[in-house]
């Protein structure tokens, strides 16, 4: 399944919005994957990432 996850993460300049589409078995794994991707790419801790919306994307 594919999920579209949108939210924001905190940077020194302020809150930066994001929208990611990830492949995962369920919503819980999709959220973990987004935490991993955002944290790795932007050096942000999990507590600085806010998820606003999760939608299942039909492929």
C-alpha atoms as a PDB file:
ATOM      1  CA  UNK A   1       0.000   0.000   0.000  1.00  0.00           C
ATOM      2  CA  UNK A   2       1.044   3.576  -0.569  1.00  0.00           C
ATOM      3  CA  UNK A   3       0.427   6.416   1.854  1.00  0.00           C
ATOM      4  CA  UNK A   4       0.661  10.169   1.412  1.00  0.00           C
ATOM      5  CA  UNK A   5       1.808  11.799   4.633  1.00  0.00           C
ATOM      6  CA  UNK A   6       1.907  15.546   5.169  1.00  0.00           C
ATOM      7  CA  UNK A   7       3.090  17.620   8.082  1.00  0.00           C
ATOM      8  CA  UNK A   8       5.897  19.909   9.155  1.00  0.00           C
ATOM      9  CA  UNK A   9       9.280  19.744  10.834  1.00  0.00           C
ATOM     10  CA  UNK A  10      11.191  22.309  12.842  1.00  0.00           C
ATOM     11  CA  UNK A  11      14.338  23.948  11.477  1.00  0.00           C
ATOM     12  CA  UNK A  12      16.398  26.848  12.853  1.00  0.00           C
ATOM     13  CA  UNK A  13      14.515  29.132  10.437  1.00  0.00           C
ATOM     14  CA  UNK A  14      11.059  27.906  11.540  1.00  0.00           C
ATOM     15  CA  UNK A  15       8.599  25.169  10.602  1.00  0.00           C
ATOM     16  CA  UNK A  16       9.070  23.605   7.155  1.00  0.00           C
ATOM     17  CA  UNK A  17       6.066  21.834   5.560  1.00  0.00           C
ATOM     18  CA  UNK A  18       6.496  18.486   3.808  1.00  0.00           C
ATOM     19  CA  UNK A  19       4.486  15.942   1.844  1.00  0.00           C
ATOM     20  CA  UNK A  20       5.821  12.418   1.240  1.00  0.00           C
ATOM     21  CA  UNK A  21       4.441   9.355  -0.513  1.00  0.00           C
ATOM     22  CA  UNK A  22       5.808   6.126   0.962  1.00  0.00           C
ATOM     23  CA  UNK A  23       5.272   2.419   0.404  1.00  0.00           C
ATOM     24  CA  UNK A  24       4.393   0.506   3.605  1.00  0.00           C
ATOM     25  CA  UNK A  25       2.271  -2.378   4.902  1.00  0.00           C
ATOM     26  CA  UNK A  26       0.149  -0.162   7.160  1.00  0.00           C
ATOM     27  CA  UNK A  27      -0.132   3.380   8.576  1.00  0.00           C
ATOM     28  CA  UNK A  28       2.151   2.692  11.517  1.00  0.00           C
ATOM     29  CA  UNK A  29       5.013   1.566   9.286  1.00  0.00           C
ATOM     30  CA  UNK A  30       4.396   4.505   6.931  1.00  0.00           C
ATOM     31  CA  UNK A  31       4.765   6.954   9.829  1.00  0.00           C
ATOM     32  CA  UNK A  32       7.985   5.269  10.966  1.00  0.00           C
ATOM     33  CA  UNK A  33       9.354   5.476   7.430  1.00  0.00           C
ATOM     34  CA  UNK A  34       8.608   9.210   7.213  1.00  0.00           C
ATOM     35  CA  UNK A  35      10.308   9.812  10.578  1.00  0.00           C
ATOM     36  CA  UNK A  36      13.329   7.934   9.256  1.00  0.00           C
ATOM     37  CA  UNK A  37      13.452   9.772   5.909  1.00  0.00           C
ATOM     38  CA  UNK A  38      12.955  13.289   7.307  1.00  0.00           C
ATOM     39  CA  UNK A  39      15.354  12.670  10.193  1.00  0.00           C
ATOM     40  CA  UNK A  40      18.037  11.290   7.912  1.00  0.00           C
ATOM     41  CA  UNK A  41      17.787  13.945   5.206  1.00  0.00           C
ATOM     42  CA  UNK A  42      17.373  16.999   7.455  1.00  0.00           C
ATOM     43  CA  UNK A  43      19.059  15.890  10.724  1.00  0.00           C
ATOM     44  CA  UNK A  44      15.845  16.430  12.699  1.00  0.00           C
ATOM     45  CA  UNK A  45      14.815  14.461  15.785  1.00  0.00           C
ATOM     46  CA  UNK A  46      11.431  12.705  15.896  1.00  0.00           C
ATOM     47  CA  UNK A  47      10.030  15.127  18.473  1.00  0.00           C
ATOM     48  CA  UNK A  48      10.589  17.984  15.972  1.00  0.00           C
ATOM     49  CA  UNK A  49       8.417  16.318  13.307  1.00  0.00           C
ATOM     50  CA  UNK A  50       4.631  16.853  13.336  1.00  0.00           C
ATOM     51  CA  UNK A  51       2.401  14.703  11.133  1.00  0.00           C
ATOM     52  CA  UNK A  52      -0.886  16.362  10.206  1.00  0.00           C
ATOM     53  CA  UNK A  53      -2.517  14.024   7.720  1.00  0.00           C
ATOM     54  CA  UNK A  54      -2.234  10.446   6.441  1.00  0.00           C
ATOM     55  CA  UNK A  55      -4.054   9.358   3.278  1.00  0.00           C
ATOM     56  CA  UNK A  56      -4.002   6.003   1.552  1.00  0.00           C
ATOM     57  CA  UNK A  57      -3.124   6.430  -2.123  1.00  0.00           C
ATOM     58  CA  UNK A  58      -4.629   4.073  -4.666  1.00  0.00           C
ATOM     59  CA  UNK A  59      -2.068   2.914  -7.203  1.00  0.00           C
END
